[in-house]
Amino acid sequence: MMKLFHSPASPYVRKVCVLLHELDRSDAVEPATVATTALASDEALKAANPLARLPALERPEGTTLYDSRVITAYLNDLFGGDLYPQTGARWDTLTLEATGDGIMDSAVSMAYEVRLRPQERQSQEWIEAQWAKVARALAVLNARWMSHLSGPVTMGHVSVACALGYLDFRHGARNWRQGNDALAGWFATFESRPSMQQTRPPADA
């Protein structure tokens, strides 16, 4: 059985888990929960992925896969999914997924700055610069991508939803919904999907 190096707080791991639930194949992958941070990497994770980043997918045969986009593309192909369209919508899907992942990148960076660095060494300028990237991406999603988000579910939808869920989880006080009414309405509906409900991070993570 494949093994997924896993943390319930990681939005990148959540992307993989949502895909597995959407394809009804969550039983095909064994989660291996690890306690790891950018400053103290888990030894088993380092052995699987030299970058020591989550997620990593260990396969009985073949190389261990890492980076969430590599893993989700692989699992989608393996299980005959349709979350990566091969038609003209493919490039929109990949761009939308990259937008969601980029929001995660900045939001995780903000959380690391606060959670891993001593208060006297934290850079508010850095935090606000990362949030500016998030805010720009949210505004573009709200203004330009709602017709795509209203269409058939792809990994673009999953990535954006996991990114928004992470904003709620780690940066709720920022109130990302303000000024993004269309996106907030879409997320309220998408968040009710069983795949999202079953992968919510625990409050104490």
N, C-alpha and C. Protein backbone atom coordinates (compact mmCIF):
# COMPACT_ATOMS: atom_id res chain seq x y z
N MET A 1 0.84 -1.20 0.00
CA MET A 1 0.00 0.00 0.00
C MET A 1 0.88 1.25 0.00
N MET A 2 0.42 2.28 -0.69
CA MET A 2 1.14 3.55 -0.69
C MET A 2 1.01 4.22 0.68
N LYS A 3 2.05 4.98 1.04
CA LYS A 3 2.06 5.68 2.33
C LYS A 3 2.22 7.17 2.09
N LEU A 4 1.35 7.95 2.71
CA LEU A 4 1.39 9.41 2.56
C LEU A 4 1.92 10.04 3.84
N PHE A 5 3.09 10.66 3.76
CA PHE A 5 3.60 11.42 4.91
C PHE A 5 2.68 12.63 5.09
N HIS A 6 2.20 12.80 6.30
CA HIS A 6 0.97 13.54 6.52
C HIS A 6 1.05 14.41 7.77
N SER A 7 0.47 15.58 7.71
CA SER A 7 0.17 16.39 8.89
C SER A 7 -1.22 16.98 8.68
N PRO A 8 -2.10 16.85 9.67
CA PRO A 8 -3.47 17.34 9.48
C PRO A 8 -3.57 18.85 9.33
N ALA A 9 -2.52 19.58 9.70
CA ALA A 9 -2.54 21.04 9.59
C ALA A 9 -2.09 21.54 8.22
N SER A 10 -1.49 20.68 7.42
CA SER A 10 -0.91 21.11 6.14
C SER A 10 -1.98 21.26 5.07
N PRO A 11 -2.10 22.42 4.44
CA PRO A 11 -3.07 22.56 3.35
C PRO A 11 -2.65 21.78 2.11
N TYR A 12 -1.34 21.55 1.95
CA TYR A 12 -0.85 20.77 0.81
C TYR A 12 -1.24 19.29 0.97
N VAL A 13 -1.11 18.79 2.17
CA VAL A 13 -1.56 17.42 2.45
C VAL A 13 -3.07 17.33 2.26
N ARG A 14 -3.79 18.36 2.71
CA ARG A 14 -5.24 18.33 2.57
C ARG A 14 -5.66 18.23 1.11
N LYS A 15 -4.94 18.90 0.21
CA LYS A 15 -5.23 18.78 -1.22
C LYS A 15 -5.24 17.31 -1.65
N VAL A 16 -4.22 16.57 -1.25
CA VAL A 16 -4.12 15.17 -1.63
C VAL A 16 -5.28 14.37 -1.04
N CYS A 17 -5.58 14.64 0.22
CA CYS A 17 -6.65 13.89 0.88
C CYS A 17 -8.02 14.20 0.28
N VAL A 18 -8.25 15.47 -0.08
CA VAL A 18 -9.51 15.82 -0.73
C VAL A 18 -9.64 15.09 -2.05
N LEU A 19 -8.56 15.07 -2.84
CA LEU A 19 -8.60 14.35 -4.12
C LEU A 19 -8.95 12.88 -3.89
N LEU A 20 -8.32 12.25 -2.92
CA LEU A 20 -8.59 10.84 -2.66
C LEU A 20 -10.06 10.62 -2.29
N HIS A 21 -10.62 11.52 -1.49
CA HIS A 21 -12.03 11.40 -1.13
C HIS A 21 -12.92 11.64 -2.34
N GLU A 22 -12.57 12.62 -3.17
CA GLU A 22 -13.37 12.89 -4.36
C GLU A 22 -13.38 11.70 -5.31
N LEU A 23 -12.28 10.95 -5.36
CA LEU A 23 -12.19 9.78 -6.22
C LEU A 23 -12.63 8.50 -5.51
N ASP A 24 -13.04 8.64 -4.25
CA ASP A 24 -13.47 7.49 -3.44
C ASP A 24 -12.38 6.43 -3.34
N ARG A 25 -11.13 6.91 -3.15
CA ARG A 25 -10.00 6.00 -3.04
C ARG A 25 -9.15 6.29 -1.81
N SER A 26 -9.74 6.87 -0.78
CA SER A 26 -8.95 7.21 0.41
C SER A 26 -8.39 5.96 1.09
N ASP A 27 -8.99 4.80 0.85
CA ASP A 27 -8.50 3.57 1.46
C ASP A 27 -7.27 3.02 0.75
N ALA A 28 -6.87 3.64 -0.35
CA ALA A 28 -5.71 3.13 -1.11
C ALA A 28 -4.40 3.69 -0.62
N VAL A 29 -4.45 4.64 0.31
CA VAL A 29 -3.24 5.30 0.80
C VAL A 29 -3.26 5.30 2.33
N GLU A 30 -2.17 4.87 2.91
CA GLU A 30 -2.05 4.86 4.37
C GLU A 30 -1.41 6.16 4.85
N PRO A 31 -2.10 6.93 5.70
CA PRO A 31 -1.49 8.15 6.22
C PRO A 31 -0.42 7.84 7.26
N ALA A 32 0.71 8.49 7.17
CA ALA A 32 1.79 8.37 8.16
C ALA A 32 2.02 9.76 8.73
N THR A 33 1.39 10.02 9.85
CA THR A 33 1.46 11.36 10.44
C THR A 33 2.83 11.59 11.06
N VAL A 34 3.43 12.72 10.73
CA VAL A 34 4.74 13.08 11.27
C VAL A 34 4.65 14.46 11.91
N ALA A 35 5.45 14.66 12.93
CA ALA A 35 5.59 15.98 13.56
C ALA A 35 6.86 16.61 12.99
N THR A 36 6.70 17.60 12.16
CA THR A 36 7.85 18.19 11.48
C THR A 36 7.63 19.67 11.30
N THR A 37 8.70 20.44 11.33
CA THR A 37 8.64 21.88 11.05
C THR A 37 9.82 22.24 10.17
N ALA A 38 9.81 23.47 9.69
CA ALA A 38 10.92 23.92 8.85
C ALA A 38 12.23 23.96 9.62
N LEU A 39 12.17 24.03 10.94
CA LEU A 39 13.38 24.10 11.76
C LEU A 39 13.76 22.76 12.37
N ALA A 40 12.83 21.82 12.40
CA ALA A 40 13.10 20.50 12.99
C ALA A 40 12.40 19.44 12.16
N SER A 41 13.09 18.96 11.14
CA SER A 41 12.48 18.04 10.18
C SER A 41 12.46 16.62 10.73
N ASP A 42 11.38 15.92 10.49
CA ASP A 42 11.25 14.52 10.87
C ASP A 42 12.25 13.68 10.07
N GLU A 43 12.91 12.74 10.75
CA GLU A 43 13.96 11.95 10.10
C GLU A 43 13.39 11.04 9.01
N ALA A 44 12.25 10.43 9.26
CA ALA A 44 11.65 9.56 8.25
C ALA A 44 11.25 10.37 7.02
N LEU A 45 10.76 11.58 7.25
CA LEU A 45 10.39 12.43 6.13
C LEU A 45 11.61 12.84 5.32
N LYS A 46 12.70 13.16 5.99
CA LYS A 46 13.93 13.52 5.28
C LYS A 46 14.43 12.36 4.44
N ALA A 47 14.27 11.13 4.93
CA ALA A 47 14.70 9.98 4.17
C ALA A 47 13.84 9.78 2.92
N ALA A 48 12.57 10.15 3.02
CA ALA A 48 11.65 9.99 1.88
C ALA A 48 11.76 11.13 0.89
N ASN A 49 11.96 12.34 1.42
CA ASN A 49 12.00 13.54 0.59
C ASN A 49 13.17 14.39 1.06
N PRO A 50 14.21 14.55 0.27
CA PRO A 50 15.39 15.29 0.73
C PRO A 50 15.07 16.74 1.09
N LEU A 51 13.95 17.29 0.60
CA LEU A 51 13.55 18.64 0.97
C LEU A 51 12.83 18.67 2.32
N ALA A 52 12.47 17.47 2.83
CA ALA A 52 11.78 17.33 4.12
C ALA A 52 10.49 18.14 4.17
N ARG A 53 9.77 18.15 3.07
CA ARG A 53 8.50 18.87 3.00
C ARG A 53 7.34 17.90 2.81
N LEU A 54 6.22 18.29 3.35
CA LEU A 54 4.98 17.53 3.17
C LEU A 54 4.18 18.11 2.01
N PRO A 55 3.44 17.22 1.32
CA PRO A 55 3.35 15.77 1.48
C PRO A 55 4.42 15.04 0.68
N ALA A 56 4.60 13.78 1.03
CA ALA A 56 5.43 12.87 0.23
C ALA A 56 4.68 11.55 0.14
N LEU A 57 4.67 10.96 -1.04
CA LEU A 57 3.93 9.72 -1.26
C LEU A 57 4.92 8.60 -1.55
N GLU A 58 5.02 7.69 -0.61
CA GLU A 58 5.92 6.53 -0.74
C GLU A 58 5.16 5.40 -1.42
N ARG A 59 5.74 4.89 -2.52
CA ARG A 59 5.09 3.83 -3.28
C ARG A 59 5.83 2.51 -3.10
N PRO A 60 5.10 1.38 -3.09
CA PRO A 60 5.78 0.09 -2.94
C PRO A 60 6.82 -0.13 -4.03
N GLU A 61 6.51 0.35 -5.24
CA GLU A 61 7.46 0.26 -6.34
C GLU A 61 7.59 1.64 -6.97
N GLY A 62 8.81 2.06 -7.21
CA GLY A 62 9.03 3.36 -7.81
C GLY A 62 9.49 4.38 -6.79
N THR A 63 9.86 5.53 -7.29
CA THR A 63 10.38 6.59 -6.44
C THR A 63 9.27 7.16 -5.56
N THR A 64 9.67 7.72 -4.43
CA THR A 64 8.75 8.47 -3.60
C THR A 64 8.45 9.80 -4.30
N LEU A 65 7.19 10.14 -4.38
CA LEU A 65 6.77 11.38 -5.04
C LEU A 65 6.61 12.48 -4.01
N TYR A 66 6.99 13.69 -4.37
CA TYR A 66 6.74 14.82 -3.49
C TYR A 66 6.42 16.06 -4.29
N ASP A 67 5.89 17.04 -3.58
CA ASP A 67 5.20 18.22 -4.07
C ASP A 67 3.75 17.81 -4.34
N SER A 68 2.82 18.56 -3.75
CA SER A 68 1.42 18.16 -3.83
C SER A 68 0.92 18.07 -5.26
N ARG A 69 1.41 18.94 -6.15
CA ARG A 69 0.92 18.91 -7.53
C ARG A 69 1.37 17.65 -8.26
N VAL A 70 2.58 17.17 -7.96
CA VAL A 70 3.05 15.92 -8.55
C VAL A 70 2.19 14.76 -8.03
N ILE A 71 1.94 14.74 -6.73
CA ILE A 71 1.19 13.65 -6.12
C ILE A 71 -0.25 13.62 -6.62
N THR A 72 -0.91 14.78 -6.67
CA THR A 72 -2.31 14.78 -7.10
C THR A 72 -2.43 14.40 -8.57
N ALA A 73 -1.51 14.86 -9.40
CA ALA A 73 -1.55 14.48 -10.82
C ALA A 73 -1.35 12.97 -10.97
N TYR A 74 -0.43 12.41 -10.19
CA TYR A 74 -0.17 10.98 -10.25
C TYR A 74 -1.40 10.18 -9.81
N LEU A 75 -1.98 10.54 -8.67
CA LEU A 75 -3.13 9.80 -8.15
C LEU A 75 -4.34 9.94 -9.06
N ASN A 76 -4.51 11.12 -9.63
CA ASN A 76 -5.62 11.31 -10.56
C ASN A 76 -5.48 10.38 -11.76
N ASP A 77 -4.27 10.27 -12.30
CA ASP A 77 -4.04 9.36 -13.43
C ASP A 77 -4.18 7.90 -13.00
N LEU A 78 -3.61 7.58 -11.85
CA LEU A 78 -3.63 6.19 -11.38
C LEU A 78 -5.05 5.67 -11.22
N PHE A 79 -5.92 6.51 -10.69
CA PHE A 79 -7.28 6.07 -10.38
C PHE A 79 -8.31 6.51 -11.43
N GLY A 80 -7.83 6.98 -12.57
CA GLY A 80 -8.74 7.32 -13.65
C GLY A 80 -9.64 8.50 -13.34
N GLY A 81 -9.14 9.46 -12.60
CA GLY A 81 -9.94 10.63 -12.25
C GLY A 81 -10.04 11.63 -13.38
N ASP A 82 -10.88 12.62 -13.18
CA ASP A 82 -11.05 13.67 -14.19
C ASP A 82 -10.82 15.06 -13.60
N LEU A 83 -10.00 15.13 -12.56
CA LEU A 83 -9.76 16.41 -11.90
C LEU A 83 -8.71 17.25 -12.62
N TYR A 84 -8.04 16.66 -13.59
CA TYR A 84 -7.13 17.41 -14.48
C TYR A 84 -7.63 17.24 -15.92
N PRO A 85 -8.48 18.13 -16.39
CA PRO A 85 -9.01 17.99 -17.76
C PRO A 85 -7.88 18.00 -18.78
N GLN A 86 -8.06 17.24 -19.81
CA GLN A 86 -7.06 17.18 -20.88
C GLN A 86 -7.49 18.00 -22.10
N THR A 87 -8.60 18.69 -21.98
CA THR A 87 -9.10 19.54 -23.06
C THR A 87 -8.58 20.96 -22.87
N GLY A 88 -9.25 21.92 -23.50
CA GLY A 88 -8.82 23.31 -23.40
C GLY A 88 -8.86 23.87 -21.99
N ALA A 89 -9.65 23.25 -21.11
CA ALA A 89 -9.73 23.72 -19.73
C ALA A 89 -8.50 23.35 -18.91
N ARG A 90 -7.62 22.55 -19.48
CA ARG A 90 -6.45 22.08 -18.73
C ARG A 90 -5.62 23.24 -18.19
N TRP A 91 -5.34 24.21 -19.03
CA TRP A 91 -4.43 25.29 -18.63
C TRP A 91 -5.09 26.20 -17.60
N ASP A 92 -6.39 26.41 -17.72
CA ASP A 92 -7.10 27.15 -16.69
C ASP A 92 -7.03 26.41 -15.36
N THR A 93 -7.21 25.10 -15.41
CA THR A 93 -7.15 24.30 -14.19
C THR A 93 -5.78 24.40 -13.53
N LEU A 94 -4.72 24.25 -14.33
CA LEU A 94 -3.38 24.31 -13.77
C LEU A 94 -3.06 25.69 -13.21
N THR A 95 -3.53 26.74 -13.89
CA THR A 95 -3.29 28.10 -13.40
C THR A 95 -4.07 28.35 -12.11
N LEU A 96 -5.30 27.86 -12.06
CA LEU A 96 -6.10 28.02 -10.86
C LEU A 96 -5.47 27.25 -9.70
N GLU A 97 -4.98 26.05 -9.97
CA GLU A 97 -4.30 25.28 -8.92
C GLU A 97 -3.06 26.02 -8.44
N ALA A 98 -2.29 26.59 -9.36
CA ALA A 98 -1.10 27.34 -8.97
C ALA A 98 -1.46 28.57 -8.13
N THR A 99 -2.60 29.18 -8.43
CA THR A 99 -3.04 30.33 -7.64
C THR A 99 -3.38 29.90 -6.22
N GLY A 100 -4.12 28.81 -6.09
CA GLY A 100 -4.42 28.30 -4.75
C GLY A 100 -3.17 27.92 -4.00
N ASP A 101 -2.25 27.23 -4.67
CA ASP A 101 -1.00 26.84 -4.02
C ASP A 101 -0.17 28.05 -3.63
N GLY A 102 -0.20 29.10 -4.46
CA GLY A 102 0.54 30.31 -4.13
C GLY A 102 -0.03 31.00 -2.90
N ILE A 103 -1.35 31.00 -2.76
CA ILE A 103 -1.96 31.53 -1.54
C ILE A 103 -1.48 30.74 -0.34
N MET A 104 -1.45 29.42 -0.47
CA MET A 104 -0.94 28.58 0.62
C MET A 104 0.51 28.94 0.96
N ASP A 105 1.34 29.10 -0.07
CA ASP A 105 2.75 29.40 0.17
C ASP A 105 2.91 30.65 1.04
N SER A 106 2.20 31.71 0.68
CA SER A 106 2.32 32.95 1.44
C SER A 106 1.70 32.82 2.83
N ALA A 107 0.56 32.14 2.92
CA ALA A 107 -0.11 32.00 4.21
C ALA A 107 0.69 31.12 5.16
N VAL A 108 1.30 30.06 4.64
CA VAL A 108 2.14 29.20 5.48
C VAL A 108 3.38 29.97 5.92
N SER A 109 3.95 30.77 5.03
CA SER A 109 5.12 31.58 5.38
C SER A 109 4.78 32.54 6.52
N MET A 110 3.62 33.14 6.45
CA MET A 110 3.18 34.03 7.54
C MET A 110 3.07 33.27 8.86
N ALA A 111 2.48 32.09 8.80
CA ALA A 111 2.32 31.30 10.03
C ALA A 111 3.67 30.89 10.60
N TYR A 112 4.61 30.51 9.74
CA TYR A 112 5.95 30.14 10.20
C TYR A 112 6.62 31.33 10.90
N GLU A 113 6.46 32.51 10.32
CA GLU A 113 7.11 33.69 10.90
C GLU A 113 6.66 33.91 12.34
N VAL A 114 5.38 33.67 12.59
CA VAL A 114 4.83 33.91 13.92
C VAL A 114 5.05 32.71 14.85
N ARG A 115 4.92 31.51 14.32
CA ARG A 115 4.94 30.32 15.17
C ARG A 115 6.34 29.78 15.43
N LEU A 116 7.30 30.05 14.53
CA LEU A 116 8.62 29.45 14.65
C LEU A 116 9.73 30.42 15.04
N ARG A 117 9.49 31.71 14.86
CA ARG A 117 10.55 32.68 15.18
C ARG A 117 10.23 33.39 16.49
N PRO A 118 11.24 33.68 17.32
CA PRO A 118 11.00 34.46 18.53
C PRO A 118 10.37 35.81 18.18
N GLN A 119 9.54 36.30 19.06
CA GLN A 119 8.78 37.52 18.76
C GLN A 119 9.69 38.69 18.38
N GLU A 120 10.83 38.79 19.05
CA GLU A 120 11.71 39.93 18.79
C GLU A 120 12.39 39.83 17.42
N ARG A 121 12.33 38.68 16.79
CA ARG A 121 12.94 38.50 15.47
C ARG A 121 11.92 38.43 14.35
N GLN A 122 10.67 38.54 14.69
CA GLN A 122 9.63 38.48 13.66
C GLN A 122 9.59 39.78 12.87
N SER A 123 9.31 39.65 11.58
CA SER A 123 9.25 40.81 10.69
C SER A 123 7.81 41.06 10.29
N GLN A 124 7.24 42.12 10.83
CA GLN A 124 5.88 42.47 10.44
C GLN A 124 5.83 42.90 8.97
N GLU A 125 6.92 43.49 8.50
CA GLU A 125 6.99 43.88 7.10
C GLU A 125 6.88 42.66 6.19
N TRP A 126 7.57 41.58 6.56
CA TRP A 126 7.51 40.35 5.80
C TRP A 126 6.08 39.78 5.83
N ILE A 127 5.49 39.75 7.00
CA ILE A 127 4.13 39.21 7.15
C ILE A 127 3.16 39.97 6.26
N GLU A 128 3.24 41.29 6.30
CA GLU A 128 2.29 42.10 5.51
C GLU A 128 2.55 41.97 4.01
N ALA A 129 3.82 41.79 3.63
CA ALA A 129 4.13 41.58 2.21
C ALA A 129 3.53 40.27 1.72
N GLN A 130 3.57 39.24 2.56
CA GLN A 130 2.97 37.96 2.18
C GLN A 130 1.44 38.09 2.11
N TRP A 131 0.87 38.81 3.05
CA TRP A 131 -0.58 38.98 3.02
C TRP A 131 -1.01 39.78 1.79
N ALA A 132 -0.19 40.73 1.36
CA ALA A 132 -0.53 41.49 0.16
C ALA A 132 -0.64 40.57 -1.05
N LYS A 133 0.22 39.56 -1.12
CA LYS A 133 0.13 38.59 -2.21
C LYS A 133 -1.17 37.81 -2.13
N VAL A 134 -1.51 37.39 -0.92
CA VAL A 134 -2.76 36.66 -0.71
C VAL A 134 -3.94 37.52 -1.13
N ALA A 135 -3.96 38.77 -0.67
CA ALA A 135 -5.08 39.65 -0.95
C ALA A 135 -5.25 39.89 -2.45
N ARG A 136 -4.14 40.05 -3.16
CA ARG A 136 -4.22 40.25 -4.62
C ARG A 136 -4.80 39.01 -5.30
N ALA A 137 -4.36 37.85 -4.87
CA ALA A 137 -4.85 36.61 -5.47
C ALA A 137 -6.35 36.43 -5.18
N LEU A 138 -6.76 36.74 -3.98
CA LEU A 138 -8.19 36.63 -3.64
C LEU A 138 -9.02 37.57 -4.50
N ALA A 139 -8.55 38.78 -4.70
CA ALA A 139 -9.29 39.76 -5.50
C ALA A 139 -9.43 39.28 -6.94
N VAL A 140 -8.37 38.69 -7.48
CA VAL A 140 -8.44 38.18 -8.86
C VAL A 140 -9.39 36.99 -8.95
N LEU A 141 -9.32 36.09 -7.98
CA LEU A 141 -10.25 34.96 -7.97
C LEU A 141 -11.69 35.46 -7.94
N ASN A 142 -11.95 36.44 -7.09
CA ASN A 142 -13.30 36.96 -6.92
C ASN A 142 -13.79 37.68 -8.19
N ALA A 143 -12.89 38.33 -8.90
CA ALA A 143 -13.28 39.14 -10.05
C ALA A 143 -13.27 38.38 -11.38
N ARG A 144 -12.34 37.40 -11.53
CA ARG A 144 -12.11 36.82 -12.84
C ARG A 144 -12.35 35.32 -12.95
N TRP A 145 -12.40 34.62 -11.83
CA TRP A 145 -12.40 33.17 -11.89
C TRP A 145 -13.71 32.51 -11.45
N MET A 146 -14.72 33.31 -11.15
CA MET A 146 -15.93 32.70 -10.60
C MET A 146 -16.65 31.82 -11.62
N SER A 147 -16.59 32.17 -12.90
CA SER A 147 -17.25 31.32 -13.90
C SER A 147 -16.59 29.95 -13.95
N HIS A 148 -15.25 29.92 -13.83
CA HIS A 148 -14.54 28.64 -13.82
C HIS A 148 -14.85 27.87 -12.54
N LEU A 149 -14.85 28.55 -11.41
CA LEU A 149 -15.13 27.89 -10.14
C LEU A 149 -16.56 27.36 -10.08
N SER A 150 -17.43 27.93 -10.88
CA SER A 150 -18.82 27.47 -10.91
C SER A 150 -19.01 26.26 -11.80
N GLY A 151 -17.95 25.83 -12.50
CA GLY A 151 -18.02 24.70 -13.42
C GLY A 151 -17.68 23.39 -12.73
N PRO A 152 -17.48 22.34 -13.52
CA PRO A 152 -17.14 21.01 -12.98
C PRO A 152 -15.89 21.06 -12.10
N VAL A 153 -15.90 20.26 -11.06
CA VAL A 153 -14.82 20.27 -10.07
C VAL A 153 -13.52 19.76 -10.68
N THR A 154 -12.46 20.54 -10.48
CA THR A 154 -11.11 20.18 -10.91
C THR A 154 -10.16 20.37 -9.73
N MET A 155 -8.89 20.06 -9.97
CA MET A 155 -7.90 20.32 -8.91
C MET A 155 -7.72 21.80 -8.66
N GLY A 156 -8.09 22.63 -9.61
CA GLY A 156 -8.09 24.07 -9.34
C GLY A 156 -9.05 24.41 -8.22
N HIS A 157 -10.25 23.85 -8.28
CA HIS A 157 -11.23 24.07 -7.21
C HIS A 157 -10.69 23.58 -5.87
N VAL A 158 -10.10 22.38 -5.89
CA VAL A 158 -9.61 21.78 -4.65
C VAL A 158 -8.51 22.63 -4.04
N SER A 159 -7.57 23.09 -4.86
CA SER A 159 -6.47 23.90 -4.36
C SER A 159 -6.97 25.20 -3.75
N VAL A 160 -7.86 25.89 -4.46
CA VAL A 160 -8.38 27.15 -3.94
C VAL A 160 -9.15 26.91 -2.64
N ALA A 161 -9.96 25.88 -2.59
CA ALA A 161 -10.72 25.60 -1.38
C ALA A 161 -9.81 25.28 -0.20
N CYS A 162 -8.77 24.50 -0.43
CA CYS A 162 -7.84 24.18 0.67
C CYS A 162 -7.08 25.42 1.12
N ALA A 163 -6.77 26.30 0.18
CA ALA A 163 -6.11 27.56 0.54
C ALA A 163 -7.02 28.42 1.40
N LEU A 164 -8.28 28.55 1.00
CA LEU A 164 -9.22 29.36 1.78
C LEU A 164 -9.47 28.74 3.16
N GLY A 165 -9.54 27.42 3.20
CA GLY A 165 -9.68 26.76 4.49
C GLY A 165 -8.50 27.03 5.40
N TYR A 166 -7.30 27.08 4.81
CA TYR A 166 -6.12 27.37 5.62
C TYR A 166 -6.14 28.81 6.13
N LEU A 167 -6.63 29.73 5.32
CA LEU A 167 -6.76 31.11 5.79
C LEU A 167 -7.68 31.17 7.00
N ASP A 168 -8.77 30.45 6.95
CA ASP A 168 -9.67 30.40 8.11
C ASP A 168 -8.96 29.78 9.32
N PHE A 169 -8.17 28.74 9.06
CA PHE A 169 -7.54 27.98 10.13
C PHE A 169 -6.44 28.77 10.84
N ARG A 170 -5.58 29.44 10.08
CA ARG A 170 -4.43 30.13 10.67
C ARG A 170 -4.55 31.65 10.69
N HIS A 171 -5.39 32.22 9.84
CA HIS A 171 -5.43 33.67 9.70
C HIS A 171 -6.87 34.21 9.70
N GLY A 172 -7.69 33.61 10.54
CA GLY A 172 -9.10 33.99 10.56
C GLY A 172 -9.34 35.46 10.85
N ALA A 173 -8.48 36.06 11.66
CA ALA A 173 -8.66 37.46 12.02
C ALA A 173 -8.49 38.39 10.82
N ARG A 174 -7.88 37.90 9.76
CA ARG A 174 -7.69 38.74 8.56
C ARG A 174 -9.00 38.93 7.78
N ASN A 175 -9.97 38.06 8.03
CA ASN A 175 -11.29 38.18 7.40
C ASN A 175 -11.18 38.29 5.89
N TRP A 176 -10.67 37.24 5.26
CA TRP A 176 -10.47 37.26 3.81
C TRP A 176 -11.76 37.44 3.03
N ARG A 177 -12.91 37.14 3.63
CA ARG A 177 -14.19 37.24 2.93
C ARG A 177 -14.59 38.69 2.64
N GLN A 178 -14.10 39.62 3.43
CA GLN A 178 -14.49 41.02 3.24
C GLN A 178 -14.05 41.50 1.85
N GLY A 179 -14.99 41.97 1.07
CA GLY A 179 -14.70 42.45 -0.26
C GLY A 179 -14.63 41.36 -1.31
N ASN A 180 -14.78 40.11 -0.90
CA ASN A 180 -14.72 38.96 -1.83
C ASN A 180 -16.01 38.15 -1.71
N ASP A 181 -17.14 38.81 -1.89
CA ASP A 181 -18.42 38.18 -1.63
C ASP A 181 -18.69 36.96 -2.51
N ALA A 182 -18.37 37.05 -3.79
CA ALA A 182 -18.63 35.93 -4.69
C ALA A 182 -17.79 34.72 -4.31
N LEU A 183 -16.53 34.96 -4.02
CA LEU A 183 -15.63 33.87 -3.63
C LEU A 183 -16.08 33.25 -2.31
N ALA A 184 -16.50 34.10 -1.37
CA ALA A 184 -16.97 33.60 -0.07
C ALA A 184 -18.22 32.74 -0.24
N GLY A 185 -19.12 33.15 -1.12
CA GLY A 185 -20.32 32.36 -1.37
C GLY A 185 -19.99 31.02 -2.00
N TRP A 186 -19.06 31.03 -2.95
CA TRP A 186 -18.64 29.78 -3.56
C TRP A 186 -18.04 28.84 -2.52
N PHE A 187 -17.17 29.38 -1.66
CA PHE A 187 -16.50 28.55 -0.68
C PHE A 187 -17.49 27.96 0.32
N ALA A 188 -18.49 28.72 0.69
CA ALA A 188 -19.49 28.21 1.63
C ALA A 188 -20.16 26.95 1.09
N THR A 189 -20.39 26.93 -0.22
CA THR A 189 -20.98 25.75 -0.84
C THR A 189 -19.96 24.62 -0.99
N PHE A 190 -18.77 24.95 -1.48
CA PHE A 190 -17.77 23.91 -1.73
C PHE A 190 -17.31 23.28 -0.41
N GLU A 191 -17.23 24.07 0.62
CA GLU A 191 -16.75 23.57 1.92
C GLU A 191 -17.69 22.51 2.50
N SER A 192 -18.94 22.48 2.03
CA SER A 192 -19.89 21.51 2.55
C SER A 192 -19.73 20.13 1.90
N ARG A 193 -18.89 20.01 0.88
CA ARG A 193 -18.68 18.72 0.25
C ARG A 193 -18.10 17.73 1.26
N PRO A 194 -18.50 16.46 1.20
CA PRO A 194 -17.96 15.48 2.15
C PRO A 194 -16.43 15.43 2.15
N SER A 195 -15.81 15.60 0.98
CA SER A 195 -14.34 15.54 0.92
C SER A 195 -13.70 16.65 1.74
N MET A 196 -14.34 17.80 1.81
CA MET A 196 -13.82 18.91 2.61
C MET A 196 -14.12 18.70 4.09
N GLN A 197 -15.31 18.23 4.39
CA GLN A 197 -15.68 18.02 5.78
C GLN A 197 -14.82 16.94 6.44
N GLN A 198 -14.47 15.92 5.67
CA GLN A 198 -13.71 14.80 6.21
C GLN A 198 -12.22 15.09 6.33
N THR A 199 -11.78 16.23 5.81
CA THR A 199 -10.35 16.56 5.86
C THR A 199 -10.08 17.85 6.62
N ARG A 200 -11.04 18.32 7.38
CA ARG A 200 -10.85 19.56 8.14
C ARG A 200 -9.73 19.37 9.16
N PRO A 201 -8.82 20.34 9.29
CA PRO A 201 -7.77 20.20 10.33
C PRO A 201 -8.35 20.34 11.71
N PRO A 202 -7.87 19.59 12.67
CA PRO A 202 -8.36 19.73 14.04
C PRO A 202 -8.00 21.10 14.61
N ALA A 203 -8.84 21.62 15.48
CA ALA A 203 -8.64 22.97 16.00
C ALA A 203 -7.32 23.12 16.75
N ASP A 204 -6.81 22.03 17.32
CA ASP A 204 -5.60 22.12 18.13
C ASP A 204 -4.34 21.78 17.33
N ALA A 205 -4.45 21.67 16.01
CA ALA A 205 -3.28 21.29 15.21
C ALA A 205 -2.30 22.45 15.08
